[in-house]
Amino acid sequence: MASPLLPRIARFIERVIDALLAAALVVMVAAMLYQVFGRYVLGHAPSWSEELARYLMVWLTMLGSASVLRAGGHITVTALVDRMPPLGVRIVLALRDLAVVAATGVLAWWGVQFAQLNAVQESAAMEIPMSLPYAALPAGAGLIALLVVIARITGDPFPAATGEQF
């Protein structure tokens, strides 16, 4: 029997991710608005705003992919799963979850290696360590793996993968 604490932990993680996504989106939009203002009103576009927006887009993509996972927001084709008996569905979803955890484990491992490798390099405009933008890959992959494991332990399959509508 799974602990009732695990679904609460997963919901908490999702709320934190959603708050980070909202904040990153606001900052990214503000940076791009300032970029346009600087270019057309001040006559000089700041170099840091485009770079900040680019790095935030990477973080939005990786964290966003983890955020939509439990809600079943990823694109999926359920033609096969819809026609399978319940045991077949459980087997296919277990294999899917193993494949996702394995793939995200590889992404997280090599993402950490890549971020560490580039930690000595600084970005051109903001002069921050390049490990910060590159850390989005292992962070997003790790969160995806964690949420898949929690869902598997609690028996909470993702809606889109089981043919349910959300």
Protein backbone atom coordinates (compact mmCIF):
# COMPACT_ATOMS: atom_id res chain seq x y z
CA MET A 1 0.00 0.00 0.00
CA ALA A 2 1.45 3.33 -1.04
CA SER A 3 1.81 6.07 1.49
CA PRO A 4 -0.82 8.84 1.30
CA LEU A 5 2.10 11.21 1.66
CA LEU A 6 3.46 10.50 -1.84
CA PRO A 7 0.53 12.04 -3.78
CA ARG A 8 0.76 15.11 -1.56
CA ILE A 9 4.49 15.35 -2.25
CA ALA A 10 3.82 15.06 -6.00
CA ARG A 11 1.17 17.81 -5.83
CA PHE A 12 3.57 20.01 -3.85
CA ILE A 13 6.32 19.46 -6.43
CA GLU A 14 3.86 20.32 -9.20
CA ARG A 15 2.79 23.53 -7.44
CA VAL A 16 6.42 24.58 -6.95
CA ILE A 17 7.20 23.85 -10.60
CA ASP A 18 4.11 25.79 -11.70
CA ALA A 19 5.13 28.79 -9.56
CA LEU A 20 8.66 28.69 -11.01
CA LEU A 21 7.23 28.46 -14.53
CA ALA A 22 4.94 31.44 -13.95
CA ALA A 23 7.79 33.52 -12.54
CA ALA A 24 10.13 32.56 -15.39
CA LEU A 25 7.48 33.41 -17.96
CA VAL A 26 6.87 36.83 -16.41
CA VAL A 27 10.61 37.57 -16.30
CA MET A 28 11.07 36.35 -19.88
CA VAL A 29 8.24 38.55 -21.18
CA ALA A 30 9.57 41.54 -19.22
CA ALA A 31 13.06 41.00 -20.64
CA MET A 32 11.75 40.82 -24.19
CA LEU A 33 9.59 43.93 -23.69
CA TYR A 34 12.63 45.76 -22.38
CA GLN A 35 14.60 44.49 -25.40
CA VAL A 36 12.01 45.99 -27.77
CA PHE A 37 11.80 49.21 -25.74
CA GLY A 38 15.58 49.56 -25.75
CA ARG A 39 15.87 48.91 -29.46
CA TYR A 40 13.08 51.17 -30.72
CA VAL A 41 12.77 53.86 -28.04
CA LEU A 42 16.26 54.17 -26.56
CA GLY A 43 18.03 53.28 -29.79
CA HIS A 44 20.23 50.71 -28.05
CA ALA A 45 19.09 47.15 -27.29
CA PRO A 46 20.52 45.67 -24.10
CA SER A 47 22.56 42.55 -24.78
CA TRP A 48 21.56 40.71 -21.62
CA SER A 49 17.79 40.66 -22.22
CA GLU A 50 17.87 38.39 -25.28
CA GLU A 51 20.28 36.03 -23.55
CA LEU A 52 18.15 35.92 -20.41
CA ALA A 53 15.02 35.17 -22.45
CA ARG A 54 16.81 32.37 -24.33
CA TYR A 55 18.00 30.69 -21.14
CA LEU A 56 14.61 31.06 -19.50
CA MET A 57 13.02 29.42 -22.54
CA VAL A 58 15.24 26.39 -22.02
CA TRP A 59 14.24 26.21 -18.35
CA LEU A 60 10.56 26.71 -19.24
CA THR A 61 10.74 23.83 -21.70
CA MET A 62 12.38 21.39 -19.31
CA LEU A 63 10.35 22.29 -16.22
CA GLY A 64 7.18 22.59 -18.28
CA SER A 65 7.58 19.06 -19.60
CA ALA A 66 7.67 17.80 -16.02
CA SER A 67 4.74 20.02 -15.07
CA VAL A 68 2.32 18.66 -17.66
CA LEU A 69 3.26 15.03 -17.09
CA ARG A 70 0.80 14.09 -14.34
CA ALA A 71 -2.03 16.03 -15.97
CA GLY A 72 -1.56 13.98 -19.12
CA GLY A 73 -0.73 17.04 -21.20
CA HIS A 74 1.90 15.39 -23.39
CA ILE A 75 0.87 14.29 -26.87
CA THR A 76 0.01 10.62 -26.91
CA VAL A 77 -1.58 8.09 -29.22
CA THR A 78 -3.85 5.68 -27.36
CA ALA A 79 -5.16 3.61 -30.29
CA LEU A 80 -3.35 0.47 -29.09
CA VAL A 81 -3.95 0.98 -25.38
CA ASP A 82 -7.67 1.64 -25.92
CA ARG A 83 -8.11 -1.81 -27.48
CA MET A 84 -6.14 -3.79 -24.90
CA PRO A 85 -7.46 -5.77 -21.94
CA PRO A 86 -6.70 -4.28 -18.48
CA LEU A 87 -3.71 -6.58 -17.91
CA GLY A 88 -2.19 -5.60 -21.25
CA VAL A 89 -2.68 -1.91 -20.43
CA ARG A 90 -0.92 -2.35 -17.08
CA ILE A 91 2.01 -4.13 -18.76
CA VAL A 92 2.34 -1.53 -21.54
CA LEU A 93 2.15 1.38 -19.07
CA ALA A 94 4.73 -0.29 -16.80
CA LEU A 95 7.07 -0.72 -19.78
CA ARG A 96 6.42 2.89 -20.80
CA ASP A 97 7.26 4.09 -17.31
CA LEU A 98 10.46 2.03 -17.26
CA ALA A 99 11.48 3.49 -20.63
CA VAL A 100 10.73 7.05 -19.46
CA VAL A 101 12.69 6.61 -16.22
CA ALA A 102 15.62 5.04 -18.10
CA ALA A 103 15.67 7.80 -20.72
CA THR A 104 15.37 10.59 -18.18
CA GLY A 105 18.02 8.92 -16.04
CA VAL A 106 20.42 9.02 -18.97
CA LEU A 107 19.47 12.65 -19.70
CA ALA A 108 19.96 13.63 -16.07
CA TRP A 109 23.31 11.84 -15.79
CA TRP A 110 24.78 13.30 -18.96
CA GLY A 111 23.12 16.65 -18.32
CA VAL A 112 24.99 16.94 -15.02
CA GLN A 113 28.23 15.94 -16.75
CA PHE A 114 27.67 18.55 -19.47
CA ALA A 115 26.79 21.29 -16.96
CA GLN A 116 29.91 20.53 -14.93
CA LEU A 117 32.04 20.50 -18.06
CA ASN A 118 30.80 23.97 -19.02
CA ALA A 119 30.86 25.47 -15.52
CA VAL A 120 34.09 27.33 -16.29
CA GLN A 121 32.61 29.02 -19.37
CA GLU A 122 30.66 32.26 -18.91
CA SER A 123 27.77 33.51 -21.01
CA ALA A 124 28.58 36.36 -23.36
CA ALA A 125 26.23 39.05 -22.09
CA MET A 126 25.30 38.24 -18.50
CA GLU A 127 28.63 36.61 -17.62
CA ILE A 128 27.01 33.81 -15.64
CA PRO A 129 28.44 30.29 -15.55
CA MET A 130 27.06 28.29 -18.47
CA SER A 131 26.33 25.50 -16.02
CA LEU A 132 23.20 27.45 -15.00
CA PRO A 133 21.44 27.25 -18.37
CA TYR A 134 22.72 23.71 -18.96
CA ALA A 135 21.41 22.60 -15.56
CA ALA A 136 17.89 22.76 -17.00
CA LEU A 137 18.40 19.38 -18.68
CA PRO A 138 19.18 17.33 -15.56
CA ALA A 139 16.67 19.30 -13.48
CA GLY A 140 13.81 18.67 -15.88
CA ALA A 141 14.78 15.06 -16.52
CA GLY A 142 15.14 14.37 -12.81
CA LEU A 143 11.74 15.86 -12.06
CA ILE A 144 10.11 13.82 -14.82
CA ALA A 145 11.69 10.62 -13.47
CA LEU A 146 10.65 11.47 -9.91
CA LEU A 147 7.04 12.15 -10.90
CA VAL A 148 6.86 8.94 -12.94
CA VAL A 149 8.21 6.90 -10.03
CA ILE A 150 5.75 8.51 -7.59
CA ALA A 151 2.87 7.86 -10.01
CA ARG A 152 3.94 4.22 -10.43
CA ILE A 153 4.24 3.69 -6.66
CA THR A 154 0.88 5.30 -5.92
CA GLY A 155 -0.87 3.61 -8.86
CA ASP A 156 -1.85 6.99 -10.31
CA PRO A 157 -1.51 6.58 -14.10
CA PHE A 158 -1.35 9.65 -16.26
CA PRO A 159 -4.77 10.38 -17.86
CA ALA A 160 -3.69 10.80 -21.48
CA ALA A 161 -1.79 7.52 -21.41
CA THR A 162 -4.87 5.54 -20.39
CA GLY A 163 -7.21 7.07 -22.94
CA GLU A 164 -9.05 9.24 -20.40
CA GLN A 165 -10.03 12.77 -21.32
CA PHE A 166 -8.80 15.62 -19.15
